[in-house]
């Protein structure tokens, strides 16, 4: 628990501690292939700008208003019908349902769905008002897992660690994974804990924070009484805990070390980043799997 508290304490204070050396990437990003699913059921295919690729499904900045830094709270999307088109349209997010980007190098697709994001307050109630975000879809299922990784990266335009990103995550350190829960056809997503807004004081009562996770799953799976029993069981067994995290880490370390053996530099960094991301998200997937098995 002490190690976990220390880690989260660093997360919460990092924006203040590093404020003197932060740099921001301000270069113009390319227009990338996109399919825009509109609220009226129509589709627009072409090219759009500004979202974080090639890792749009999980990349973010650390600290402050991180959702704003990654353009998840944008009000419009810059769009053109072809890459050579000089006419740039501004498509209002209010008219958009989903964005599906394609990475031209790997041919992978990345989906972002519009949701009204609501957090769990200290009274363990979902707030009445929310904010409209285009959320990166991490895992599709009966309860969708949305989220992003928050990293500090060494940018290629300076020597200091920065909250900028030049497309090379091999120079980045993963800080935490922010998650949101939402059914595929719902318009609201619930955020258990906004890590970027945590104060050092909040970290001295980790059990209070963990309670928010159980509440978030109860809200997301409220339509299935059998699932709610699973959530209550997880609560009684202190599932969200440093112990669970350490057990998951122990399970994955042998495989990770075997793959990284003999590798150095970017190749090793890529493997380590993959396994660390999986480690941070595995804890959240367990109850989603419970819902899938219990309620489908």
Foldseek 3Di string as FASTA:
>chain_A
DVVVLVLLQCLQCVCVVCVVPADADDDWFAWFWKWFQWPVRDIATETWGQADPPPNQAAWAGADPTLVSRVFQPQWIFGDHYRPDPDTDTHGCVGTAKMWTADPVVRDIKMWGWAFEWEQDLVRDTDPHGGIGGWTFDDDDQKTKTWHWHKFFQDPVDGDTYRYDDHQCLRIDTSAIWIWIAGPPDRHIYGLDDSNNDHSVVSVCVLSSVSSLLSRLCVRLVVAPVLNVVSVVCNVVVLPDPVVLVVLCVVCVVVLCVCLPPPDGSSNSVSVVVVVVCSRCVSVCPSVVVCVVRPD
